Full PDB file with SEQRES, HELIX, SHEET, SSBOND, CRYST1, ORIGX, SCALE, CONECT and MASTER records, all heavy atoms in Angstrom:
SEQRES   1 A   35  ARG GLU LEU VAL ALA GLY ILE SER ILE GLY GLY THR THR          
SEQRES   2 A   35  ASN TYR ALA ASP SER VAL LYS GLY ARG PHE THR ILE SER          
SEQRES   3 A   35  ARG ASP ASN ALA LYS ASN THR VAL TYR                          
HELIX    1 AA1 ASP A   17  VAL A   19  5                                   3    
HELIX    2 AA2 ASN A   29  LYS A   31  5                                   3    
SHEET    1 AA1 2 ALA A   5  ILE A   7  0                                        
SHEET    2 AA1 2 THR A  13  TYR A  15 -1                                        
SHEET    1 AA2 2 ARG A  27  ASP A  28  0                                        
SHEET    2 AA2 2 THR A  33  VAL A  34 -1                                        
CRYST1    1.000    1.000    1.000  90.00  90.00  90.00 P 1           1          
ORIGX1      1.000000  0.000000  0.000000        0.00000                         
ORIGX2      0.000000  1.000000  0.000000        0.00000                         
ORIGX3      0.000000  0.000000  1.000000        0.00000                         
SCALE1      1.000000  0.000000  0.000000        0.00000                         
SCALE2      0.000000  1.000000  0.000000        0.00000                         
SCALE3      0.000000  0.000000  1.000000        0.00000                         
ATOM      1  N   ARG A   1    -133.449-117.974-179.354  1.00  0.00           N  
ATOM      2  CA  ARG A   1    -132.866-117.320-178.208  1.00  0.00           C  
ATOM      3  C   ARG A   1    -133.523-115.956-178.043  1.00  0.00           C  
ATOM      4  O   ARG A   1    -133.663-115.198-179.009  1.00  0.00           O  
ATOM      5  CB  ARG A   1    -131.356-117.167-178.391  1.00  0.00           C  
ATOM      6  CG  ARG A   1    -130.656-116.541-177.201  1.00  0.00           C  
ATOM      7  CD  ARG A   1    -129.139-116.580-177.355  1.00  0.00           C  
ATOM      8  NE  ARG A   1    -128.635-117.950-177.375  1.00  0.00           N  
ATOM      9  CZ  ARG A   1    -127.350-118.264-177.409  1.00  0.00           C  
ATOM     10  NH1 ARG A   1    -126.426-117.305-177.424  1.00  0.00           N  
ATOM     11  NH2 ARG A   1    -126.981-119.540-177.439  1.00  0.00           N  
ATOM     12  N   GLU A   2    -133.921-115.650-176.831  1.00  0.00           N  
ATOM     13  CA  GLU A   2    -134.621-114.411-176.581  1.00  0.00           C  
ATOM     14  C   GLU A   2    -133.918-113.578-175.524  1.00  0.00           C  
ATOM     15  O   GLU A   2    -133.310-114.106-174.588  1.00  0.00           O  
ATOM     16  CB  GLU A   2    -136.071-114.675-176.143  1.00  0.00           C  
ATOM     17  CG  GLU A   2    -136.196-115.384-174.812  1.00  0.00           C  
ATOM     18  CD  GLU A   2    -137.629-115.452-174.309  1.00  0.00           C  
ATOM     19  OE1 GLU A   2    -138.466-114.645-174.758  1.00  0.00           O  
ATOM     20  OE2 GLU A   2    -137.910-116.325-173.456  1.00  0.00           O  
ATOM     21  N   LEU A   3    -134.027-112.289-175.691  1.00  0.00           N  
ATOM     22  CA  LEU A   3    -133.511-111.365-174.690  1.00  0.00           C  
ATOM     23  C   LEU A   3    -134.438-111.379-173.490  1.00  0.00           C  
ATOM     24  O   LEU A   3    -135.642-111.141-173.617  1.00  0.00           O  
ATOM     25  CB  LEU A   3    -133.414-109.958-175.263  1.00  0.00           C  
ATOM     26  CG  LEU A   3    -132.976-108.855-174.292  1.00  0.00           C  
ATOM     27  CD1 LEU A   3    -131.527-109.066-173.854  1.00  0.00           C  
ATOM     28  CD2 LEU A   3    -133.155-107.487-174.916  1.00  0.00           C  
ATOM     29  N   VAL A   4    -133.883-111.648-172.335  1.00  0.00           N  
ATOM     30  CA  VAL A   4    -134.641-111.652-171.095  1.00  0.00           C  
ATOM     31  C   VAL A   4    -134.556-110.292-170.412  1.00  0.00           C  
ATOM     32  O   VAL A   4    -135.569-109.727-169.990  1.00  0.00           O  
ATOM     33  CB  VAL A   4    -134.137-112.749-170.143  1.00  0.00           C  
ATOM     34  CG1 VAL A   4    -134.871-112.689-168.809  1.00  0.00           C  
ATOM     35  CG2 VAL A   4    -134.308-114.120-170.796  1.00  0.00           C  
ATOM     36  N   ALA A   5    -133.352-109.780-170.281  1.00  0.00           N  
ATOM     37  CA  ALA A   5    -133.123-108.508-169.609  1.00  0.00           C  
ATOM     38  C   ALA A   5    -131.914-107.835-170.218  1.00  0.00           C  
ATOM     39  O   ALA A   5    -130.874-108.467-170.407  1.00  0.00           O  
ATOM     40  CB  ALA A   5    -132.911-108.711-168.106  1.00  0.00           C  
ATOM     41  N   GLY A   6    -132.041-106.556-170.521  1.00  0.00           N  
ATOM     42  CA  GLY A   6    -130.948-105.792-171.085  1.00  0.00           C  
ATOM     43  C   GLY A   6    -130.559-104.645-170.178  1.00  0.00           C  
ATOM     44  O   GLY A   6    -131.369-104.164-169.376  1.00  0.00           O  
ATOM     45  N   ILE A   7    -129.308-104.208-170.307  1.00  0.00           N  
ATOM     46  CA  ILE A   7    -128.827-103.073-169.528  1.00  0.00           C  
ATOM     47  C   ILE A   7    -127.861-102.282-170.389  1.00  0.00           C  
ATOM     48  O   ILE A   7    -126.986-102.836-171.049  1.00  0.00           O  
ATOM     49  CB  ILE A   7    -128.181-103.526-168.199  1.00  0.00           C  
ATOM     50  CG1 ILE A   7    -127.815-102.318-167.342  1.00  0.00           C  
ATOM     51  CG2 ILE A   7    -126.974-104.424-168.446  1.00  0.00           C  
ATOM     52  CD1 ILE A   7    -127.493-102.680-165.898  1.00  0.00           C  
ATOM     53  N   SER A   8    -128.016-100.973-170.397  1.00  0.00           N  
ATOM     54  CA  SER A   8    -127.172-100.102-171.192  1.00  0.00           C  
ATOM     55  C   SER A   8    -125.953 -99.658-170.398  1.00  0.00           C  
ATOM     56  O   SER A   8    -125.849 -99.891-169.195  1.00  0.00           O  
ATOM     57  CB  SER A   8    -127.969 -98.879-171.652  1.00  0.00           C  
ATOM     58  OG  SER A   8    -128.204 -98.005-170.561  1.00  0.00           O  
ATOM     59  N   ILE A   9    -125.022 -98.995-171.093  1.00  0.00           N  
ATOM     60  CA  ILE A   9    -123.847 -98.445-170.414  1.00  0.00           C  
ATOM     61  C   ILE A   9    -124.268 -97.527-169.276  1.00  0.00           C  
ATOM     62  O   ILE A   9    -123.673 -97.538-168.191  1.00  0.00           O  
ATOM     63  CB  ILE A   9    -122.958 -97.673-171.406  1.00  0.00           C  
ATOM     64  CG1 ILE A   9    -122.360 -98.617-172.450  1.00  0.00           C  
ATOM     65  CG2 ILE A   9    -121.864 -96.920-170.669  1.00  0.00           C  
ATOM     66  CD1 ILE A   9    -121.372 -99.603-171.882  1.00  0.00           C  
ATOM     67  N   GLY A  10    -125.308 -96.753-169.506  1.00  0.00           N  
ATOM     68  CA  GLY A  10    -125.782 -95.826-168.500  1.00  0.00           C  
ATOM     69  C   GLY A  10    -126.637 -96.440-167.417  1.00  0.00           C  
ATOM     70  O   GLY A  10    -127.034 -95.737-166.479  1.00  0.00           O  
ATOM     71  N   GLY A  11    -126.942 -97.724-167.537  1.00  0.00           N  
ATOM     72  CA  GLY A  11    -127.710 -98.399-166.511  1.00  0.00           C  
ATOM     73  C   GLY A  11    -129.192 -98.531-166.785  1.00  0.00           C  
ATOM     74  O   GLY A  11    -129.928 -99.061-165.944  1.00  0.00           O  
ATOM     75  N   THR A  12    -129.647 -98.056-167.937  1.00  0.00           N  
ATOM     76  CA  THR A  12    -131.044 -98.234-168.297  1.00  0.00           C  
ATOM     77  C   THR A  12    -131.330 -99.710-168.550  1.00  0.00           C  
ATOM     78  O   THR A  12    -130.564-100.384-169.238  1.00  0.00           O  
ATOM     79  CB  THR A  12    -131.394 -97.422-169.544  1.00  0.00           C  
ATOM     80  OG1 THR A  12    -131.142 -96.032-169.296  1.00  0.00           O  
ATOM     81  CG2 THR A  12    -132.860 -97.597-169.914  1.00  0.00           C  
ATOM     82  N   THR A  13    -132.414-100.203-168.009  1.00  0.00           N  
ATOM     83  CA  THR A  13    -132.757-101.613-168.137  1.00  0.00           C  
ATOM     84  C   THR A  13    -134.030-101.804-168.934  1.00  0.00           C  
ATOM     85  O   THR A  13    -134.885-100.913-169.008  1.00  0.00           O  
ATOM     86  CB  THR A  13    -132.917-102.266-166.759  1.00  0.00           C  
ATOM     87  OG1 THR A  13    -133.953-101.588-166.034  1.00  0.00           O  
ATOM     88  CG2 THR A  13    -131.620-102.179-165.969  1.00  0.00           C  
ATOM     89  N   ASN A  14    -134.142-102.976-169.528  1.00  0.00           N  
ATOM     90  CA  ASN A  14    -135.368-103.360-170.199  1.00  0.00           C  
ATOM     91  C   ASN A  14    -135.554-104.858-170.046  1.00  0.00           C  
ATOM     92  O   ASN A  14    -134.584-105.604-169.892  1.00  0.00           O  
ATOM     93  CB  ASN A  14    -135.367-102.938-171.676  1.00  0.00           C  
ATOM     94  CG  ASN A  14    -134.287-103.618-172.483  1.00  0.00           C  
ATOM     95  OD1 ASN A  14    -134.490-104.709-173.019  1.00  0.00           O  
ATOM     96  ND2 ASN A  14    -133.127-102.984-172.585  1.00  0.00           N  
ATOM     97  N   TYR A  15    -136.812-105.304-170.107  1.00  0.00           N  
ATOM     98  CA  TYR A  15    -137.140-106.685-169.825  1.00  0.00           C  
ATOM     99  C   TYR A  15    -138.138-107.225-170.825  1.00  0.00           C  
ATOM    100  O   TYR A  15    -138.992-106.481-171.336  1.00  0.00           O  
ATOM    101  CB  TYR A  15    -137.730-106.824-168.421  1.00  0.00           C  
ATOM    102  CG  TYR A  15    -136.809-106.363-167.327  1.00  0.00           C  
ATOM    103  CD1 TYR A  15    -136.841-105.047-166.873  1.00  0.00           C  
ATOM    104  CD2 TYR A  15    -135.901-107.240-166.751  1.00  0.00           C  
ATOM    105  CE1 TYR A  15    -135.980-104.621-165.872  1.00  0.00           C  
ATOM    106  CE2 TYR A  15    -135.040-106.819-165.747  1.00  0.00           C  
ATOM    107  CZ  TYR A  15    -135.084-105.512-165.315  1.00  0.00           C  
ATOM    108  OH  TYR A  15    -134.230-105.094-164.321  1.00  0.00           O  
ATOM    109  N   ALA A  16    -138.039-108.512-171.076  1.00  0.00           N  
ATOM    110  CA  ALA A  16    -139.080-109.176-171.834  1.00  0.00           C  
ATOM    111  C   ALA A  16    -140.388-109.099-171.057  1.00  0.00           C  
ATOM    112  O   ALA A  16    -140.394-109.139-169.823  1.00  0.00           O  
ATOM    113  CB  ALA A  16    -138.708-110.630-172.089  1.00  0.00           C  
ATOM    114  N   ASP A  17    -141.486-108.988-171.785  1.00  0.00           N  
ATOM    115  CA  ASP A  17    -142.780-108.880-171.122  1.00  0.00           C  
ATOM    116  C   ASP A  17    -143.035-110.048-170.168  1.00  0.00           C  
ATOM    117  O   ASP A  17    -143.665-109.871-169.120  1.00  0.00           O  
ATOM    118  CB  ASP A  17    -143.905-108.814-172.151  1.00  0.00           C  
ATOM    119  CG  ASP A  17    -143.951-107.488-172.884  1.00  0.00           C  
ATOM    120  OD1 ASP A  17    -143.353-106.506-172.401  1.00  0.00           O  
ATOM    121  OD2 ASP A  17    -144.598-107.428-173.946  1.00  0.00           O  
ATOM    122  N   SER A  18    -142.552-111.215-170.526  1.00  0.00           N  
ATOM    123  CA  SER A  18    -142.822-112.401-169.735  1.00  0.00           C  
ATOM    124  C   SER A  18    -142.141-112.399-168.368  1.00  0.00           C  
ATOM    125  O   SER A  18    -142.526-113.174-167.492  1.00  0.00           O  
ATOM    126  CB  SER A  18    -142.399-113.654-170.506  1.00  0.00           C  
ATOM    127  OG  SER A  18    -141.017-113.626-170.805  1.00  0.00           O  
ATOM    128  N   VAL A  19    -141.146-111.536-168.178  1.00  0.00           N  
ATOM    129  CA  VAL A  19    -140.416-111.526-166.908  1.00  0.00           C  
ATOM    130  C   VAL A  19    -140.523-110.207-166.169  1.00  0.00           C  
ATOM    131  O   VAL A  19    -139.991-110.093-165.051  1.00  0.00           O  
ATOM    132  CB  VAL A  19    -138.926-111.893-167.104  1.00  0.00           C  
ATOM    133  CG1 VAL A  19    -138.793-113.195-167.878  1.00  0.00           C  
ATOM    134  CG2 VAL A  19    -138.174-110.763-167.808  1.00  0.00           C  
ATOM    135  N   LYS A  20    -141.195-109.238-166.734  1.00  0.00           N  
ATOM    136  CA  LYS A  20    -141.331-107.945-166.068  1.00  0.00           C  
ATOM    137  C   LYS A  20    -141.977-108.107-164.704  1.00  0.00           C  
ATOM    138  O   LYS A  20    -142.970-108.817-164.554  1.00  0.00           O  
ATOM    139  CB  LYS A  20    -142.158-106.989-166.923  1.00  0.00           C  
ATOM    140  CG  LYS A  20    -141.432-106.433-168.129  1.00  0.00           C  
ATOM    141  CD  LYS A  20    -142.315-105.477-168.916  1.00  0.00           C  
ATOM    142  CE  LYS A  20    -141.583-104.911-170.121  1.00  0.00           C  
ATOM    143  NZ  LYS A  20    -142.456-104.021-170.934  1.00  0.00           N  
ATOM    144  N   GLY A  21    -141.391-107.455-163.732  1.00  0.00           N  
ATOM    145  CA  GLY A  21    -141.899-107.536-162.375  1.00  0.00           C  
ATOM    146  C   GLY A  21    -141.367-108.708-161.593  1.00  0.00           C  
ATOM    147  O   GLY A  21    -141.562-108.767-160.371  1.00  0.00           O  
ATOM    148  N   ARG A  22    -140.709-109.647-162.264  1.00  0.00           N  
ATOM    149  CA  ARG A  22    -140.169-110.826-161.595  1.00  0.00           C  
ATOM    150  C   ARG A  22    -138.644-110.868-161.620  1.00  0.00           C  
ATOM    151  O   ARG A  22    -138.029-111.355-160.674  1.00  0.00           O  
ATOM    152  CB  ARG A  22    -140.714-112.106-162.222  1.00  0.00           C  
ATOM    153  CG  ARG A  22    -142.229-112.236-162.150  1.00  0.00           C  
ATOM    154  CD  ARG A  22    -142.689-113.614-162.612  1.00  0.00           C  
ATOM    155  NE  ARG A  22    -142.346-113.873-164.016  1.00  0.00           N  
ATOM    156  CZ  ARG A  22    -141.580-114.868-164.427  1.00  0.00           C  
ATOM    157  NH1 ARG A  22    -141.059-115.724-163.544  1.00  0.00           N  
ATOM    158  NH2 ARG A  22    -141.332-115.043-165.718  1.00  0.00           N  
ATOM    159  N   PHE A  23    -138.043-110.396-162.706  1.00  0.00           N  
ATOM    160  CA  PHE A  23    -136.587-110.440-162.872  1.00  0.00           C  
ATOM    161  C   PHE A  23    -136.003-109.040-162.760  1.00  0.00           C  
ATOM    162  O   PHE A  23    -136.629-108.053-163.176  1.00  0.00           O  
ATOM    163  CB  PHE A  23    -136.206-111.004-164.243  1.00  0.00           C  
ATOM    164  CG  PHE A  23    -136.496-112.468-164.445  1.00  0.00           C  
ATOM    165  CD1 PHE A  23    -137.247-113.200-163.541  1.00  0.00           C  
ATOM    166  CD2 PHE A  23    -135.999-113.109-165.574  1.00  0.00           C  
ATOM    167  CE1 PHE A  23    -137.507-114.543-163.743  1.00  0.00           C  
ATOM    168  CE2 PHE A  23    -136.246-114.450-165.789  1.00  0.00           C  
ATOM    169  CZ  PHE A  23    -137.001-115.173-164.882  1.00  0.00           C  
ATOM    170  N   THR A  24    -134.782-108.959-162.249  1.00  0.00           N  
ATOM    171  CA  THR A  24    -134.078-107.692-162.142  1.00  0.00           C  
ATOM    172  C   THR A  24    -132.628-107.879-162.557  1.00  0.00           C  
ATOM    173  O   THR A  24    -131.937-108.748-162.023  1.00  0.00           O  
ATOM    174  CB  THR A  24    -134.119-107.133-160.710  1.00  0.00           C  
ATOM    175  OG1 THR A  24    -135.473-106.986-160.283  1.00  0.00           O  
ATOM    176  CG2 THR A  24    -133.422-105.774-160.654  1.00  0.00           C  
ATOM    177  N   ILE A  25    -132.168-107.074-163.503  1.00  0.00           N  
ATOM    178  CA  ILE A  25    -130.775-107.107-163.919  1.00  0.00           C  
ATOM    179  C   ILE A  25    -130.031-105.978-163.210  1.00  0.00           C  
ATOM    180  O   ILE A  25    -130.560-104.874-163.046  1.00  0.00           O  
ATOM    181  CB  ILE A  25    -130.638-106.994-165.451  1.00  0.00           C  
ATOM    182  CG1 ILE A  25    -129.178-107.195-165.889  1.00  0.00           C  
ATOM    183  CG2 ILE A  25    -131.185-105.669-165.966  1.00  0.00           C  
ATOM    184  CD1 ILE A  25    -129.013-107.330-167.405  1.00  0.00           C  
ATOM    185  N   SER A  26    -128.809-106.252-162.785  1.00  0.00           N  
ATOM    186  CA  SER A  26    -128.002-105.247-162.108  1.00  0.00           C  
ATOM    187  C   SER A  26    -126.534-105.475-162.423  1.00  0.00           C  
ATOM    188  O   SER A  26    -126.152-106.515-162.963  1.00  0.00           O  
ATOM    189  CB  SER A  26    -128.240-105.277-160.597  1.00  0.00           C  
ATOM    190  OG  SER A  26    -127.869-106.528-160.048  1.00  0.00           O  
ATOM    191  N   ARG A  27    -125.713-104.505-162.076  1.00  0.00           N  
ATOM    192  CA  ARG A  27    -124.295-104.542-162.432  1.00  0.00           C  
ATOM    193  C   ARG A  27    -123.444-104.069-161.269  1.00  0.00           C  
ATOM    194  O   ARG A  27    -123.779-103.092-160.583  1.00  0.00           O  
ATOM    195  CB  ARG A  27    -124.075-103.660-163.667  1.00  0.00           C  
ATOM    196  CG  ARG A  27    -122.641-103.560-164.157  1.00  0.00           C  
ATOM    197  CD  ARG A  27    -122.608-102.853-165.501  1.00  0.00           C  
ATOM    198  NE  ARG A  27    -123.113-101.491-165.410  1.00  0.00           N  
ATOM    199  CZ  ARG A  27    -123.798-100.880-166.372  1.00  0.00           C  
ATOM    200  NH1 ARG A  27    -124.075-101.524-167.508  1.00  0.00           N  
ATOM    201  NH2 ARG A  27    -124.209 -99.623-166.205  1.00  0.00           N  
ATOM    202  N   ASP A  28    -122.332-104.750-161.056  1.00  0.00           N  
ATOM    203  CA  ASP A  28    -121.338-104.361-160.064  1.00  0.00           C  
ATOM    204  C   ASP A  28    -120.020-104.194-160.805  1.00  0.00           C  
ATOM    205  O   ASP A  28    -119.322-105.171-161.080  1.00  0.00           O  
ATOM    206  CB  ASP A  28    -121.220-105.402-158.961  1.00  0.00           C  
ATOM    207  CG  ASP A  28    -120.296-104.969-157.843  1.00  0.00           C  
ATOM    208  OD1 ASP A  28    -119.428-104.106-158.066  1.00  0.00           O  
ATOM    209  OD2 ASP A  28    -120.442-105.496-156.717  1.00  0.00           O  
ATOM    210  N   ASN A  29    -119.687-102.974-161.151  1.00  0.00           N  
ATOM    211  CA  ASN A  29    -118.488-102.729-161.948  1.00  0.00           C  
ATOM    212  C   ASN A  29    -117.208-103.137-161.216  1.00  0.00           C  
ATOM    213  O   ASN A  29    -116.254-103.601-161.846  1.00  0.00           O  
ATOM    214  CB  ASN A  29    -118.411-101.252-162.345  1.00  0.00           C  
ATOM    215  CG  ASN A  29    -119.427-100.878-163.395  1.00  0.00           C  
ATOM    216  OD1 ASN A  29    -119.715-101.655-164.307  1.00  0.00           O  
ATOM    217  ND2 ASN A  29    -119.976 -99.684-163.295  1.00  0.00           N  
ATOM    218  N   ALA A  30    -117.175-102.971-159.907  1.00  0.00           N  
ATOM    219  CA  ALA A  30    -115.989-103.333-159.139  1.00  0.00           C  
ATOM    220  C   ALA A  30    -115.696-104.822-159.224  1.00  0.00           C  
ATOM    221  O   ALA A  30    -114.537-105.236-159.134  1.00  0.00           O  
ATOM    222  CB  ALA A  30    -116.143-102.906-157.688  1.00  0.00           C  
ATOM    223  N   LYS A  31    -116.722-105.622-159.382  1.00  0.00           N  
ATOM    224  CA  LYS A  31    -116.566-107.072-159.471  1.00  0.00           C  
ATOM    225  C   LYS A  31    -116.627-107.586-160.900  1.00  0.00           C  
ATOM    226  O   LYS A  31    -116.557-108.799-161.117  1.00  0.00           O  
ATOM    227  CB  LYS A  31    -117.642-107.765-158.634  1.00  0.00           C  
ATOM    228  CG  LYS A  31    -117.523-107.517-157.141  1.00  0.00           C  
ATOM    229  CD  LYS A  31    -118.590-108.284-156.383  1.00  0.00           C  
ATOM    230  CE  LYS A  31    -118.460-108.079-154.888  1.00  0.00           C  
ATOM    231  NZ  LYS A  31    -117.196-108.683-154.375  1.00  0.00           N  
ATOM    232  N   ASN A  32    -116.766-106.688-161.867  1.00  0.00           N  
ATOM    233  CA  ASN A  32    -116.911-107.077-163.270  1.00  0.00           C  
ATOM    234  C   ASN A  32    -118.007-108.126-163.436  1.00  0.00           C  
ATOM    235  O   ASN A  32    -117.852-109.099-164.182  1.00  0.00           O  
ATOM    236  CB  ASN A  32    -115.594-107.608-163.843  1.00  0.00           C  
ATOM    237  CG  ASN A  32    -114.578-106.517-164.087  1.00  0.00           C  
ATOM    238  OD1 ASN A  32    -114.934-105.353-164.293  1.00  0.00           O  
ATOM    239  ND2 ASN A  32    -113.305-106.882-164.084  1.00  0.00           N  
ATOM    240  N   THR A  33    -119.107-107.897-162.755  1.00  0.00           N  
ATOM    241  CA  THR A  33    -120.168-108.890-162.705  1.00  0.00           C  
ATOM    242  C   THR A  33    -121.523-108.250-162.987  1.00  0.00           C  
ATOM    243  O   THR A  33    -121.816-107.157-162.503  1.00  0.00           O  
ATOM    244  CB  THR A  33    -120.204-109.588-161.338  1.00  0.00           C  
ATOM    245  OG1 THR A  33    -118.937-110.216-161.099  1.00  0.00           O  
ATOM    246  CG2 THR A  33    -121.295-110.644-161.293  1.00  0.00           C  
ATOM    247  N   VAL A  34    -122.326-108.964-163.753  1.00  0.00           N  
ATOM    248  CA  VAL A  34    -123.717-108.599-163.989  1.00  0.00           C  
ATOM    249  C   VAL A  34    -124.589-109.707-163.433  1.00  0.00           C  
ATOM    250  O   VAL A  34    -124.302-110.894-163.618  1.00  0.00           O  
ATOM    251  CB  VAL A  34    -123.991-108.374-165.483  1.00  0.00           C  
ATOM    252  CG1 VAL A  34    -125.480-108.134-165.733  1.00  0.00           C  
ATOM    253  CG2 VAL A  34    -123.189-107.180-165.993  1.00  0.00           C  
ATOM    254  N   TYR A  35    -125.648-109.323-162.753  1.00  0.00           N  
ATOM    255  CA  TYR A  35    -126.518-110.269-162.082  1.00  0.00           C  
ATOM    256  C   TYR A  35    -127.902-110.283-162.712  1.00  0.00           C  
ATOM    257  O   TYR A  35    -128.342-109.307-163.326  1.00  0.00           O  
ATOM    258  CB  TYR A  35    -126.675-109.909-160.607  1.00  0.00           C  
ATOM    259  CG  TYR A  35    -125.382-109.841-159.845  1.00  0.00           C  
ATOM    260  CD1 TYR A  35    -124.735-108.626-159.643  1.00  0.00           C  
ATOM    261  CD2 TYR A  35    -124.805-110.991-159.323  1.00  0.00           C  
ATOM    262  CE1 TYR A  35    -123.545-108.554-158.943  1.00  0.00           C  
ATOM    263  CE2 TYR A  35    -123.613-110.933-158.619  1.00  0.00           C  
ATOM    264  CZ  TYR A  35    -122.989-109.716-158.430  1.00  0.00           C  
ATOM    265  OH  TYR A  35    -121.806-109.660-157.731  1.00  0.00           O  
TER     266      TYR A  35                                                      
MASTER        0    0    0    2    4    0    0    6  265    1    0    3          
END                                                                             
Protein backbone atom coordinates (compact mmCIF):
# COMPACT_ATOMS: atom_id res chain seq x y z
CA ARG A 1 0.00 0.00 0.00
CA GLU A 2 1.40 3.35 -1.00
CA LEU A 3 0.65 6.92 -0.09
CA VAL A 4 -0.76 8.70 -3.11
CA ALA A 5 -1.53 12.11 -1.64
CA GLY A 6 -1.19 13.51 1.85
CA ILE A 7 -2.59 16.60 3.52
CA SER A 8 -1.68 18.11 6.87
CA ILE A 9 -3.88 19.87 9.41
CA GLY A 10 -2.63 23.14 8.00
CA GLY A 11 -3.39 22.14 4.43
CA THR A 12 0.10 21.34 3.22
CA THR A 13 -0.05 18.65 0.56
CA ASN A 14 2.37 16.10 -0.77
CA TYR A 15 2.16 13.57 -3.58
CA ALA A 16 3.79 10.42 -4.77
CA ASP A 17 6.13 11.12 -7.65
CA SER A 18 4.01 8.97 -9.93
CA VAL A 19 0.96 11.22 -9.56
CA LYS A 20 2.48 14.68 -9.23
CA GLY A 21 0.87 17.09 -11.63
CA ARG A 22 -2.07 14.76 -12.23
CA PHE A 23 -3.74 14.31 -8.81
CA THR A 24 -4.92 16.96 -6.37
CA ILE A 25 -6.02 16.40 -2.78
CA SER A 26 -8.36 18.90 -1.15
CA ARG A 27 -10.56 19.25 1.91
CA ASP A 28 -14.00 20.67 2.66
CA ASN A 29 -14.31 20.93 6.42
CA ALA A 30 -17.98 21.94 6.27
CA LYS A 31 -18.78 18.66 4.54
CA ASN A 32 -16.31 16.55 6.53
CA THR A 33 -15.00 15.41 3.18
CA VAL A 34 -11.59 15.00 1.58
CA TYR A 35 -11.34 14.72 -2.18
